[in-house]
Amino acid sequence: MGDKSPKSNQKKSTQKQSKVSSADQKKKQAVAAKSAASSKKK
């Protein structure tokens, strides 16, 4: 019953968002590392 309270719903949605954002950051870091490595070769 308590799962349907707005607070718990908000918690779930924020956890999903943080997971997505952390995955996004990892991707961006990987891209940045690749671009940095390629620019060093030049």
Protein backbone atom coordinates (compact mmCIF):
# COMPACT_ATOMS: atom_id res chain seq x y z
CA MET A 1 0.00 0.00 0.00
CA GLY A 2 2.75 2.49 0.94
CA ASP A 3 4.43 2.08 -2.47
CA LYS A 4 1.76 4.24 -4.10
CA SER A 5 2.57 7.34 -2.02
CA PRO A 6 3.92 10.26 -4.11
CA LYS A 7 7.20 10.33 -2.18
CA SER A 8 8.16 6.76 -3.05
CA ASN A 9 7.16 7.38 -6.67
CA GLN A 10 9.42 10.45 -6.76
CA LYS A 11 12.30 8.41 -5.31
CA LYS A 12 11.92 5.78 -8.02
CA SER A 13 11.89 8.35 -10.81
CA THR A 14 14.96 10.17 -9.45
CA GLN A 15 16.85 6.88 -9.14
CA LYS A 16 16.07 6.09 -12.78
CA GLN A 17 17.26 9.56 -13.80
CA SER A 18 20.52 9.26 -11.88
CA LYS A 19 21.22 5.86 -13.47
CA VAL A 20 20.66 7.30 -16.93
CA SER A 21 22.76 10.40 -16.24
CA SER A 22 25.66 8.34 -14.86
CA ALA A 23 25.60 6.15 -17.96
CA ASP A 24 25.56 9.31 -20.09
CA GLN A 25 28.54 10.70 -18.19
CA LYS A 26 30.50 7.46 -18.71
CA LYS A 27 29.81 7.65 -22.44
CA LYS A 28 30.91 11.29 -22.56
CA GLN A 29 34.07 10.47 -20.60
CA ALA A 30 34.90 7.63 -23.00
CA VAL A 31 34.38 9.94 -25.98
CA ALA A 32 36.49 12.65 -24.36
CA ALA A 33 39.27 10.15 -23.62
CA LYS A 34 39.20 8.92 -27.23
CA SER A 35 39.32 12.45 -28.64
CA ALA A 36 42.15 13.38 -26.26
CA ALA A 37 44.15 10.31 -27.32
CA SER A 38 43.62 11.05 -31.01
CA SER A 39 44.60 14.70 -30.59
CA LYS A 40 47.83 13.67 -28.82
CA LYS A 41 48.88 11.54 -31.81
CA LYS A 42 48.77 14.61 -34.05
